[in-house]
Amino acid sequence: MIRVLVAEDEPLMTAGIRAVLESAPGIEVVAEAADGRAAVDAALRHRVDVALLDIRMPGMDGLAALAELRRRVPAVRVVILTSFGDEPNVHRALAAGASGFVLKNCAPDELVRAVRAAHDGDAYLSPPVTRTVLGMLAPAESARRRDAAERLAALAPAEHRVALLLAEGLSNAAIARRLAMSESSVKTYVSRVLAKLGCDNRVQAALLVRDAAAGAPPVAADRGGAAERP
């Protein structure tokens, strides 16, 4: 059972989210909160798996609560509830370690997919949020592009291939099918990739790969020596 916390300061929105999630098998809303501080306290008290955090809340907002959750209970996956007006905050939340973003007006099944993806260690971005993020990152500074390319070039060939597929938003199962690997092997590679790139989650890794692609082509594909083969 996936234990979910809903942190949202509008009671009607909270009730709607609860109804959607609890209609899905294997998901239980175990706590609600109307501000960031209460959300952190509830996450600790109820041992939640996934926290849905609204960015705009009174007192401690969703971004501050995200940072606090990452510090105190890093095992909790955080999905940000956002709106079209929150573009400046999306990049900050990504950098802080959010596992996903869903728009408040998304379809019910999309909300369920986001929670399941976060719980499984994957990332989920609503398509409009993905376009927003890529648009924000399009004019990335050349220094950041160079840094991203250098970090990507440090990967072994098989790790590099996995990183490229992460950037496409593929799940572990989809990567395993694409590379003819076992899913357990893919999980191992993903862990290595995140560690080597210095990323907290798949979203950050995907953005780093895209930054590298925006600059000079990565130099990790065909290096001599004993190449790892998936």
C-alpha atoms as a PDB file:
ATOM      1  CA  MET A   1       0.000   0.000   0.000  1.00  0.00           C
ATOM      2  CA  ILE A   2       1.376   3.433  -0.979  1.00  0.00           C
ATOM      3  CA  ARG A   3       0.960   5.830   1.951  1.00  0.00           C
ATOM      4  CA  VAL A   4       0.340   9.381   0.732  1.00  0.00           C
ATOM      5  CA  LEU A   5       0.358  12.800   2.387  1.00  0.00           C
ATOM      6  CA  VAL A   6      -1.613  15.617   0.726  1.00  0.00           C
ATOM      7  CA  ALA A   7      -0.418  19.124   1.620  1.00  0.00           C
ATOM      8  CA  GLU A   8      -2.787  21.712   0.141  1.00  0.00           C
ATOM      9  CA  ASP A   9      -4.370  24.755   1.777  1.00  0.00           C
ATOM     10  CA  GLU A  10      -7.645  24.655  -0.184  1.00  0.00           C
ATOM     11  CA  PRO A  11     -10.052  22.170   1.485  1.00  0.00           C
ATOM     12  CA  LEU A  12     -12.024  21.451  -1.694  1.00  0.00           C
ATOM     13  CA  MET A  13      -8.846  20.676  -3.616  1.00  0.00           C
ATOM     14  CA  THR A  14      -7.653  18.421  -0.797  1.00  0.00           C
ATOM     15  CA  ALA A  15     -10.953  16.552  -0.761  1.00  0.00           C
ATOM     16  CA  GLY A  16     -10.818  16.062  -4.529  1.00  0.00           C
ATOM     17  CA  ILE A  17      -7.249  14.749  -4.439  1.00  0.00           C
ATOM     18  CA  ARG A  18      -8.111  12.354  -1.627  1.00  0.00           C
ATOM     19  CA  ALA A  19     -11.123  11.034  -3.533  1.00  0.00           C
ATOM     20  CA  VAL A  20      -9.070  10.459  -6.695  1.00  0.00           C
ATOM     21  CA  LEU A  21      -6.199   8.707  -4.953  1.00  0.00           C
ATOM     22  CA  GLU A  22      -8.297   6.531  -2.681  1.00  0.00           C
ATOM     23  CA  SER A  23     -10.325   5.315  -5.661  1.00  0.00           C
ATOM     24  CA  ALA A  24      -7.106   3.782  -7.040  1.00  0.00           C
ATOM     25  CA  PRO A  25      -6.095   0.345  -5.747  1.00  0.00           C
ATOM     26  CA  GLY A  26      -3.011   0.220  -3.567  1.00  0.00           C
ATOM     27  CA  ILE A  27      -3.036   3.909  -2.557  1.00  0.00           C
ATOM     28  CA  GLU A  28      -4.084   5.290   0.830  1.00  0.00           C
ATOM     29  CA  VAL A  29      -4.126   8.951   1.907  1.00  0.00           C
ATOM     30  CA  VAL A  30      -2.885   8.715   5.485  1.00  0.00           C
ATOM     31  CA  ALA A  31      -2.468  12.421   6.277  1.00  0.00           C
ATOM     32  CA  GLU A  32      -3.456  15.921   5.209  1.00  0.00           C
ATOM     33  CA  ALA A  33      -1.801  19.269   5.911  1.00  0.00           C
ATOM     34  CA  ALA A  34      -2.633  22.895   5.111  1.00  0.00           C
ATOM     35  CA  ASP A  35       0.905  24.307   5.356  1.00  0.00           C
ATOM     36  CA  GLY A  36       4.496  23.184   4.945  1.00  0.00           C
ATOM     37  CA  ARG A  37       5.344  22.844   8.625  1.00  0.00           C
ATOM     38  CA  ALA A  38       2.316  20.636   9.254  1.00  0.00           C
ATOM     39  CA  ALA A  39       3.260  18.610   6.170  1.00  0.00           C
ATOM     40  CA  VAL A  40       6.752  17.864   7.483  1.00  0.00           C
ATOM     41  CA  ASP A  41       5.371  16.918  10.900  1.00  0.00           C
ATOM     42  CA  ALA A  42       2.725  14.659   9.329  1.00  0.00           C
ATOM     43  CA  ALA A  43       5.283  12.955   7.077  1.00  0.00           C
ATOM     44  CA  LEU A  44       7.376  12.097  10.107  1.00  0.00           C
ATOM     45  CA  ARG A  45       4.428  10.975  12.214  1.00  0.00           C
ATOM     46  CA  HIS A  46       2.649   8.840   9.606  1.00  0.00           C
ATOM     47  CA  ARG A  47       5.680   7.333   7.798  1.00  0.00           C
ATOM     48  CA  VAL A  48       4.421   8.367   4.373  1.00  0.00           C
ATOM     49  CA  ASP A  49       5.883   7.071   1.108  1.00  0.00           C
ATOM     50  CA  VAL A  50       4.854   9.953  -1.162  1.00  0.00           C
ATOM     51  CA  ALA A  51       4.092  13.568  -0.262  1.00  0.00           C
ATOM     52  CA  LEU A  52       2.015  15.736  -2.591  1.00  0.00           C
ATOM     53  CA  LEU A  53       3.002  19.336  -1.841  1.00  0.00           C
ATOM     54  CA  ASP A  54       1.354  22.479  -3.110  1.00  0.00           C
ATOM     55  CA  ILE A  55       3.980  25.154  -3.802  1.00  0.00           C
ATOM     56  CA  ARG A  56       1.897  28.038  -2.513  1.00  0.00           C
ATOM     57  CA  MET A  57       0.897  27.514   1.117  1.00  0.00           C
ATOM     58  CA  PRO A  58       0.829  29.897   4.084  1.00  0.00           C
ATOM     59  CA  GLY A  59       3.705  29.905   6.538  1.00  0.00           C
ATOM     60  CA  MET A  60       6.230  27.373   5.305  1.00  0.00           C
ATOM     61  CA  ASP A  61       5.540  26.952   1.584  1.00  0.00           C
ATOM     62  CA  GLY A  62       5.932  23.783  -0.482  1.00  0.00           C
ATOM     63  CA  LEU A  63       9.514  24.525  -1.532  1.00  0.00           C
ATOM     64  CA  ALA A  64      10.662  25.021   2.054  1.00  0.00           C
ATOM     65  CA  ALA A  65       8.786  21.867   3.083  1.00  0.00           C
ATOM     66  CA  LEU A  66      10.459  19.954   0.233  1.00  0.00           C
ATOM     67  CA  ALA A  67      13.915  21.020   1.432  1.00  0.00           C
ATOM     68  CA  GLU A  68      13.050  20.055   5.010  1.00  0.00           C
ATOM     69  CA  LEU A  69      11.696  16.653   3.951  1.00  0.00           C
ATOM     70  CA  ARG A  70      14.798  15.955   1.859  1.00  0.00           C
ATOM     71  CA  ARG A  71      16.931  16.755   4.904  1.00  0.00           C
ATOM     72  CA  ARG A  72      14.964  14.888   7.562  1.00  0.00           C
ATOM     73  CA  VAL A  73      13.261  12.013   5.696  1.00  0.00           C
ATOM     74  CA  PRO A  74      15.008  11.606   2.325  1.00  0.00           C
ATOM     75  CA  ALA A  75      13.183   8.331   1.663  1.00  0.00           C
ATOM     76  CA  VAL A  76       9.906  10.248   1.187  1.00  0.00           C
ATOM     77  CA  ARG A  77       9.260  10.957  -2.497  1.00  0.00           C
ATOM     78  CA  VAL A  78       7.853  14.418  -3.177  1.00  0.00           C
ATOM     79  CA  VAL A  79       5.493  15.318  -6.021  1.00  0.00           C
ATOM     80  CA  ILE A  80       4.839  19.028  -6.448  1.00  0.00           C
ATOM     81  CA  LEU A  81       1.335  20.299  -7.168  1.00  0.00           C
ATOM     82  CA  THR A  82       1.766  23.291  -9.445  1.00  0.00           C
ATOM     83  CA  SER A  83      -0.098  25.683 -11.708  1.00  0.00           C
ATOM     84  CA  PHE A  84       0.786  27.555 -14.854  1.00  0.00           C
ATOM     85  CA  GLY A  85       1.813  30.555 -12.753  1.00  0.00           C
ATOM     86  CA  ASP A  86       4.551  28.711 -10.864  1.00  0.00           C
ATOM     87  CA  GLU A  87       7.211  28.500 -13.612  1.00  0.00           C
ATOM     88  CA  PRO A  88       9.922  30.362 -11.635  1.00  0.00           C
ATOM     89  CA  ASN A  89       9.538  27.863  -8.787  1.00  0.00           C
ATOM     90  CA  VAL A  90       9.667  24.712 -10.915  1.00  0.00           C
ATOM     91  CA  HIS A  91      13.416  24.902 -11.490  1.00  0.00           C
ATOM     92  CA  ARG A  92      14.031  25.533  -7.783  1.00  0.00           C
ATOM     93  CA  ALA A  93      11.959  22.504  -6.839  1.00  0.00           C
ATOM     94  CA  LEU A  94      13.817  20.312  -9.329  1.00  0.00           C
ATOM     95  CA  ALA A  95      17.137  21.391  -7.885  1.00  0.00           C
ATOM     96  CA  ALA A  96      15.833  20.640  -4.388  1.00  0.00           C
ATOM     97  CA  GLY A  97      15.037  17.026  -5.323  1.00  0.00           C
ATOM     98  CA  ALA A  98      11.359  16.853  -6.297  1.00  0.00           C
ATOM     99  CA  SER A  99      10.411  13.542  -7.941  1.00  0.00           C
ATOM    100  CA  GLY A 100       7.614  14.929 -10.057  1.00  0.00           C
ATOM    101  CA  PHE A 101       5.242  17.729 -10.982  1.00  0.00           C
ATOM    102  CA  VAL A 102       1.536  17.595 -11.745  1.00  0.00           C
ATOM    103  CA  LEU A 103      -0.768  20.435 -12.657  1.00  0.00           C
ATOM    104  CA  LYS A 104      -3.678  21.021 -10.320  1.00  0.00           C
ATOM    105  CA  ASN A 105      -6.085  20.692 -13.245  1.00  0.00           C
ATOM    106  CA  CYS A 106      -4.618  17.397 -14.474  1.00  0.00           C
ATOM    107  CA  ALA A 107      -6.761  14.364 -15.248  1.00  0.00           C
ATOM    108  CA  PRO A 108      -7.374  12.017 -12.291  1.00  0.00           C
ATOM    109  CA  ASP A 109      -5.429   9.142 -13.858  1.00  0.00           C
ATOM    110  CA  GLU A 110      -2.408  11.426 -14.326  1.00  0.00           C
ATOM    111  CA  LEU A 111      -2.342  12.182 -10.607  1.00  0.00           C
ATOM    112  CA  VAL A 112      -2.413   8.453  -9.844  1.00  0.00           C
ATOM    113  CA  ARG A 113       0.402   7.804 -12.361  1.00  0.00           C
ATOM    114  CA  ALA A 114       2.534  10.500 -10.760  1.00  0.00           C
ATOM    115  CA  VAL A 115       2.143   8.985  -7.281  1.00  0.00           C
ATOM    116  CA  ARG A 116       2.912   5.467  -8.507  1.00  0.00           C
ATOM    117  CA  ALA A 117       5.953   6.666 -10.495  1.00  0.00           C
ATOM    118  CA  ALA A 118       7.369   8.544  -7.510  1.00  0.00           C
ATOM    119  CA  HIS A 119       6.841   5.544  -5.242  1.00  0.00           C
ATOM    120  CA  ASP A 120       8.649   3.295  -7.751  1.00  0.00           C
ATOM    121  CA  GLY A 121      11.644   5.634  -7.854  1.00  0.00           C
ATOM    122  CA  ASP A 122      10.766   7.034 -11.264  1.00  0.00           C
ATOM    123  CA  ALA A 123       9.979  10.632 -12.130  1.00  0.00           C
ATOM    124  CA  TYR A 124       6.798  12.130 -13.552  1.00  0.00           C
ATOM    125  CA  LEU A 125       6.295  15.519 -15.176  1.00  0.00           C
ATOM    126  CA  SER A 126       2.986  16.677 -16.589  1.00  0.00           C
ATOM    127  CA  PRO A 127       3.589  17.382 -20.311  1.00  0.00           C
ATOM    128  CA  PRO A 128       2.969  21.152 -19.956  1.00  0.00           C
ATOM    129  CA  VAL A 129       5.453  21.259 -17.075  1.00  0.00           C
ATOM    130  CA  THR A 130       8.029  19.415 -19.177  1.00  0.00           C
ATOM    131  CA  ARG A 131       7.696  22.037 -21.923  1.00  0.00           C
ATOM    132  CA  THR A 132       8.017  24.798 -19.338  1.00  0.00           C
ATOM    133  CA  VAL A 133      11.151  23.281 -17.828  1.00  0.00           C
ATOM    134  CA  LEU A 134      12.823  22.770 -21.203  1.00  0.00           C
ATOM    135  CA  GLY A 135      11.911  26.293 -22.227  1.00  0.00           C
ATOM    136  CA  MET A 136      13.439  27.682 -19.055  1.00  0.00           C
ATOM    137  CA  LEU A 137      16.624  25.710 -19.607  1.00  0.00           C
ATOM    138  CA  ALA A 138      16.996  26.497 -23.311  1.00  0.00           C
ATOM    139  CA  PRO A 139      19.199  29.544 -22.740  1.00  0.00           C
ATOM    140  CA  ALA A 140      21.444  27.658 -20.287  1.00  0.00           C
ATOM    141  CA  GLU A 141      24.839  29.231 -19.645  1.00  0.00           C
ATOM    142  CA  SER A 142      27.787  27.746 -21.532  1.00  0.00           C
ATOM    143  CA  ALA A 143      29.577  27.026 -18.238  1.00  0.00           C
ATOM    144  CA  ARG A 144      26.699  24.845 -17.075  1.00  0.00           C
ATOM    145  CA  ARG A 145      26.633  23.070 -20.419  1.00  0.00           C
ATOM    146  CA  ARG A 146      30.355  22.382 -20.223  1.00  0.00           C
ATOM    147  CA  ASP A 147      30.022  21.091 -16.669  1.00  0.00           C
ATOM    148  CA  ALA A 148      27.138  18.817 -17.682  1.00  0.00           C
ATOM    149  CA  ALA A 149      29.095  17.452 -20.653  1.00  0.00           C
ATOM    150  CA  GLU A 150      32.165  16.780 -18.495  1.00  0.00           C
ATOM    151  CA  ARG A 151      30.114  14.946 -15.876  1.00  0.00           C
ATOM    152  CA  LEU A 152      28.395  12.871 -18.546  1.00  0.00           C
ATOM    153  CA  ALA A 153      31.739  12.052 -20.172  1.00  0.00           C
ATOM    154  CA  ALA A 154      32.889  10.468 -16.896  1.00  0.00           C
ATOM    155  CA  LEU A 155      30.319   7.682 -17.302  1.00  0.00           C
ATOM    156  CA  ALA A 156      31.244   4.261 -18.636  1.00  0.00           C
ATOM    157  CA  PRO A 157      29.673   3.458 -22.039  1.00  0.00           C
ATOM    158  CA  ALA A 158      26.829   1.342 -20.629  1.00  0.00           C
ATOM    159  CA  GLU A 159      26.114   3.964 -17.963  1.00  0.00           C
ATOM    160  CA  HIS A 160      26.071   6.622 -20.679  1.00  0.00           C
ATOM    161  CA  ARG A 161      23.478   4.679 -22.661  1.00  0.00           C
ATOM    162  CA  VAL A 162      21.292   4.344 -19.570  1.00  0.00           C
ATOM    163  CA  ALA A 163      21.664   8.083 -18.873  1.00  0.00           C
ATOM    164  CA  LEU A 164      20.487   8.938 -22.385  1.00  0.00           C
ATOM    165  CA  LEU A 165      17.385   6.782 -21.929  1.00  0.00           C
ATOM    166  CA  LEU A 166      16.722   8.383 -18.545  1.00  0.00           C
ATOM    167  CA  ALA A 167      16.660  11.695 -20.378  1.00  0.00           C
ATOM    168  CA  GLU A 168      13.894  10.312 -22.591  1.00  0.00           C
ATOM    169  CA  GLY A 169      11.821   9.751 -19.459  1.00  0.00           C
ATOM    170  CA  LEU A 170      11.820   5.960 -19.770  1.00  0.00           C
ATOM    171  CA  SER A 171      11.059   3.755 -16.768  1.00  0.00           C
ATOM    172  CA  ASN A 172      13.462   1.044 -15.613  1.00  0.00           C
ATOM    173  CA  ALA A 173      11.325  -1.561 -17.362  1.00  0.00           C
ATOM    174  CA  ALA A 174      11.382   0.365 -20.651  1.00  0.00           C
ATOM    175  CA  ILE A 175      15.157   0.865 -20.438  1.00  0.00           C
ATOM    176  CA  ALA A 176      15.593  -2.856 -19.775  1.00  0.00           C
ATOM    177  CA  ARG A 177      13.603  -3.683 -22.914  1.00  0.00           C
ATOM    178  CA  ARG A 178      15.484  -1.140 -25.026  1.00  0.00           C
ATOM    179  CA  LEU A 179      18.927  -2.374 -23.948  1.00  0.00           C
ATOM    180  CA  ALA A 180      18.042  -6.073 -23.585  1.00  0.00           C
ATOM    181  CA  MET A 181      19.020  -6.030 -19.916  1.00  0.00           C
ATOM    182  CA  SER A 182      17.327  -7.311 -16.788  1.00  0.00           C
ATOM    183  CA  GLU A 183      15.380  -4.744 -14.791  1.00  0.00           C
ATOM    184  CA  SER A 184      17.581  -5.399 -11.744  1.00  0.00           C
ATOM    185  CA  SER A 185      20.672  -4.576 -13.836  1.00  0.00           C
ATOM    186  CA  VAL A 186      19.044  -1.354 -14.979  1.00  0.00           C
ATOM    187  CA  LYS A 187      18.355  -0.374 -11.364  1.00  0.00           C
ATOM    188  CA  THR A 188      22.031  -0.922 -10.576  1.00  0.00           C
ATOM    189  CA  TYR A 189      23.093   1.197 -13.550  1.00  0.00           C
ATOM    190  CA  VAL A 190      20.637   3.953 -12.650  1.00  0.00           C
ATOM    191  CA  SER A 191      22.047   4.098  -9.111  1.00  0.00           C
ATOM    192  CA  ARG A 192      25.575   4.342 -10.506  1.00  0.00           C
ATOM    193  CA  VAL A 193      24.585   7.034 -12.983  1.00  0.00           C
ATOM    194  CA  LEU A 194      22.912   9.165 -10.310  1.00  0.00           C
ATOM    195  CA  ALA A 195      25.923   8.809  -7.999  1.00  0.00           C
ATOM    196  CA  LYS A 196      28.478   9.660 -10.701  1.00  0.00           C
ATOM    197  CA  LEU A 197      26.484  12.615 -11.995  1.00  0.00           C
ATOM    198  CA  GLY A 198      25.877  13.913  -8.479  1.00  0.00           C
ATOM    199  CA  CYS A 199      22.101  13.870  -8.970  1.00  0.00           C
ATOM    200  CA  ASP A 200      19.484  13.148  -6.322  1.00  0.00           C
ATOM    201  CA  ASN A 201      16.933  11.704  -8.733  1.00  0.00           C
ATOM    202  CA  ARG A 202      16.089  10.844 -12.333  1.00  0.00           C
ATOM    203  CA  VAL A 203      14.654  14.265 -13.145  1.00  0.00           C
ATOM    204  CA  GLN A 204      17.923  15.988 -12.266  1.00  0.00           C
ATOM    205  CA  ALA A 205      19.877  13.428 -14.298  1.00  0.00           C
ATOM    206  CA  ALA A 206      17.603  13.929 -17.313  1.00  0.00           C
ATOM    207  CA  LEU A 207      18.040  17.699 -17.154  1.00  0.00           C
ATOM    208  CA  LEU A 208      21.815  17.324 -16.895  1.00  0.00           C
ATOM    209  CA  VAL A 209      21.852  15.122 -20.001  1.00  0.00           C
ATOM    210  CA  ARG A 210      19.769  17.707 -21.860  1.00  0.00           C
ATOM    211  CA  ASP A 211      22.125  20.467 -20.735  1.00  0.00           C
ATOM    212  CA  ALA A 212      25.062  18.455 -22.089  1.00  0.00           C
ATOM    213  CA  ALA A 213      23.249  17.933 -25.390  1.00  0.00           C
ATOM    214  CA  ALA A 214      22.652  21.688 -25.671  1.00  0.00           C
ATOM    215  CA  GLY A 215      26.398  22.271 -25.667  1.00  0.00           C
ATOM    216  CA  ALA A 216      29.226  20.187 -27.068  1.00  0.00           C
ATOM    217  CA  PRO A 217      28.379  16.522 -27.790  1.00  0.00           C
ATOM    218  CA  PRO A 218      29.201  14.254 -24.835  1.00  0.00           C
ATOM    219  CA  VAL A 219      32.437  12.280 -25.184  1.00  0.00           C
ATOM    220  CA  ALA A 220      31.425   9.031 -23.503  1.00  0.00           C
ATOM    221  CA  ALA A 221      30.271   6.706 -26.214  1.00  0.00           C
ATOM    222  CA  ASP A 222      33.262   4.902 -27.722  1.00  0.00           C
ATOM    223  CA  ARG A 223      36.270   4.812 -25.483  1.00  0.00           C
ATOM    224  CA  GLY A 224      38.984   2.229 -25.666  1.00  0.00           C
ATOM    225  CA  GLY A 225      39.563  -0.471 -23.120  1.00  0.00           C
ATOM    226  CA  ALA A 226      37.206  -3.011 -21.665  1.00  0.00           C
ATOM    227  CA  ALA A 227      33.845  -1.482 -22.389  1.00  0.00           C
ATOM    228  CA  GLU A 228      30.930  -2.514 -20.240  1.00  0.00           C
ATOM    229  CA  ARG A 229      28.310  -4.276 -22.300  1.00  0.00           C
ATOM    230  CA  PRO A 230      24.679  -4.374 -21.200  1.00  0.00           C
END
